[in-house]
Amino acid sequence: MLHTILADAGVSISDLKKNPSAVIEAAGGFPVAVLNRNTPAAYLVPAAAWEAIMDRLEDIELAEIVRARANEVGIPVNIDDL
């Protein structure tokens, strides 16, 4: 059976257990597929990459809100009334 691996590098669970810091360092800031019997079981994503993913998802969600509200009619407001 073929499995798609969504990372450029992979590591076995056994090797990850032996030295997780070495795996993270060797990844060079990129995700690593964690393999169990040559099948992806998880992905190890460095903190900076995870933060970038979360920022991108937030931007996508905000863009959807903007698009949904684009045709709304505005309400005139006086700043002094606030």
C-alpha atoms as a PDB file:
ATOM      1  CA  MET A   1       0.000   0.000   0.000  1.00  0.00           C
ATOM      2  CA  LEU A   2       1.294   3.466  -0.881  1.00  0.00           C
ATOM      3  CA  HIS A   3       1.207   6.302   1.612  1.00  0.00           C
ATOM      4  CA  THR A   4       1.704   9.969   0.853  1.00  0.00           C
ATOM      5  CA  ILE A   5       4.399  11.518   3.004  1.00  0.00           C
ATOM      6  CA  LEU A   6       3.870  15.253   3.371  1.00  0.00           C
ATOM      7  CA  ALA A   7       7.437  16.064   4.390  1.00  0.00           C
ATOM      8  CA  ASP A   8      10.825  16.006   2.706  1.00  0.00           C
ATOM      9  CA  ALA A   9      12.325  13.922   5.522  1.00  0.00           C
ATOM     10  CA  GLY A  10      11.204  10.991   7.602  1.00  0.00           C
ATOM     11  CA  VAL A  11      12.374   9.295  10.786  1.00  0.00           C
ATOM     12  CA  SER A  12      11.347   6.087  12.478  1.00  0.00           C
ATOM     13  CA  ILE A  13       9.711   6.250  15.876  1.00  0.00           C
ATOM     14  CA  SER A  14      12.657   4.251  17.250  1.00  0.00           C
ATOM     15  CA  ASP A  15      15.206   6.770  15.992  1.00  0.00           C
ATOM     16  CA  LEU A  16      13.098   9.660  17.258  1.00  0.00           C
ATOM     17  CA  LYS A  17      12.967   8.077  20.733  1.00  0.00           C
ATOM     18  CA  LYS A  18      16.761   7.637  20.764  1.00  0.00           C
ATOM     19  CA  ASN A  19      17.582  11.294  20.177  1.00  0.00           C
ATOM     20  CA  PRO A  20      14.692  13.691  19.517  1.00  0.00           C
ATOM     21  CA  SER A  21      16.927  16.772  19.724  1.00  0.00           C
ATOM     22  CA  ALA A  22      19.156  15.436  16.952  1.00  0.00           C
ATOM     23  CA  VAL A  23      16.128  14.831  14.723  1.00  0.00           C
ATOM     24  CA  ILE A  24      14.850  18.369  15.300  1.00  0.00           C
ATOM     25  CA  GLU A  25      18.286  19.832  14.575  1.00  0.00           C
ATOM     26  CA  ALA A  26      18.784  17.698  11.460  1.00  0.00           C
ATOM     27  CA  ALA A  27      15.389  18.808  10.126  1.00  0.00           C
ATOM     28  CA  GLY A  28      16.706  22.352   9.752  1.00  0.00           C
ATOM     29  CA  GLY A  29      13.394  23.982  10.606  1.00  0.00           C
ATOM     30  CA  PHE A  30      11.294  21.814   8.309  1.00  0.00           C
ATOM     31  CA  PRO A  31       8.633  19.207   9.188  1.00  0.00           C
ATOM     32  CA  VAL A  32       9.632  15.563   9.576  1.00  0.00           C
ATOM     33  CA  ALA A  33       7.352  12.578   9.015  1.00  0.00           C
ATOM     34  CA  VAL A  34       7.446  10.165  11.955  1.00  0.00           C
ATOM     35  CA  LEU A  35       7.150   6.668  10.519  1.00  0.00           C
ATOM     36  CA  ASN A  36       5.824   3.524  12.126  1.00  0.00           C
ATOM     37  CA  ARG A  37       6.663   0.516   9.945  1.00  0.00           C
ATOM     38  CA  ASN A  38       7.261   2.854   7.001  1.00  0.00           C
ATOM     39  CA  THR A  39       3.809   4.399   7.381  1.00  0.00           C
ATOM     40  CA  PRO A  40       3.408   8.025   8.477  1.00  0.00           C
ATOM     41  CA  ALA A  41       2.129   8.042  12.056  1.00  0.00           C
ATOM     42  CA  ALA A  42       2.665  11.731  12.832  1.00  0.00           C
ATOM     43  CA  TYR A  43       4.508  14.838  11.762  1.00  0.00           C
ATOM     44  CA  LEU A  44       7.080  16.660  13.856  1.00  0.00           C
ATOM     45  CA  VAL A  45       6.729  20.361  13.084  1.00  0.00           C
ATOM     46  CA  PRO A  46       9.252  22.852  14.506  1.00  0.00           C
ATOM     47  CA  ALA A  47       7.778  25.641  16.643  1.00  0.00           C
ATOM     48  CA  ALA A  48       8.585  28.410  14.142  1.00  0.00           C
ATOM     49  CA  ALA A  49       6.918  26.475  11.311  1.00  0.00           C
ATOM     50  CA  TRP A  50       3.855  25.772  13.481  1.00  0.00           C
ATOM     51  CA  GLU A  51       3.568  29.471  14.374  1.00  0.00           C
ATOM     52  CA  ALA A  52       3.760  30.378  10.681  1.00  0.00           C
ATOM     53  CA  ILE A  53       1.005  27.855   9.896  1.00  0.00           C
ATOM     54  CA  MET A  54      -1.212  29.264  12.653  1.00  0.00           C
ATOM     55  CA  ASP A  55      -0.609  32.844  11.440  1.00  0.00           C
ATOM     56  CA  ARG A  56      -1.547  31.826   7.897  1.00  0.00           C
ATOM     57  CA  LEU A  57      -4.730  30.089   9.060  1.00  0.00           C
ATOM     58  CA  GLU A  58      -5.714  33.166  11.062  1.00  0.00           C
ATOM     59  CA  ASP A  59      -5.156  35.345   7.974  1.00  0.00           C
ATOM     60  CA  ILE A  60      -7.377  33.015   5.917  1.00  0.00           C
ATOM     61  CA  GLU A  61     -10.132  33.139   8.547  1.00  0.00           C
ATOM     62  CA  LEU A  62      -9.958  36.938   8.725  1.00  0.00           C
ATOM     63  CA  ALA A  63     -10.076  37.194   4.933  1.00  0.00           C
ATOM     64  CA  GLU A  64     -13.263  35.083   4.925  1.00  0.00           C
ATOM     65  CA  ILE A  65     -14.848  37.475   7.449  1.00  0.00           C
ATOM     66  CA  VAL A  66     -13.860  40.464   5.323  1.00  0.00           C
ATOM     67  CA  ARG A  67     -15.348  38.876   2.186  1.00  0.00           C
ATOM     68  CA  ALA A  68     -18.562  38.009   4.040  1.00  0.00           C
ATOM     69  CA  ARG A  69     -18.923  41.593   5.275  1.00  0.00           C
ATOM     70  CA  ALA A  70     -17.810  43.328   2.069  1.00  0.00           C
ATOM     71  CA  ASN A  71     -21.327  44.160   0.883  1.00  0.00           C
ATOM     72  CA  GLU A  72     -22.707  45.295   4.238  1.00  0.00           C
ATOM     73  CA  VAL A  73     -24.046  48.802   4.443  1.00  0.00           C
ATOM     74  CA  GLY A  74     -22.068  50.944   6.868  1.00  0.00           C
ATOM     75  CA  ILE A  75     -23.586  52.852   9.752  1.00  0.00           C
ATOM     76  CA  PRO A  76     -22.505  56.472  10.151  1.00  0.00           C
ATOM     77  CA  VAL A  77     -20.887  57.041  13.540  1.00  0.00           C
ATOM     78  CA  ASN A  78     -19.591  60.199  15.175  1.00  0.00           C
ATOM     79  CA  ILE A  79     -16.327  59.530  16.991  1.00  0.00           C
ATOM     80  CA  ASP A  80     -17.362  61.902  19.761  1.00  0.00           C
ATOM     81  CA  ASP A  81     -20.409  59.755  20.505  1.00  0.00           C
ATOM     82  CA  LEU A  82     -18.218  56.825  21.350  1.00  0.00           C
END
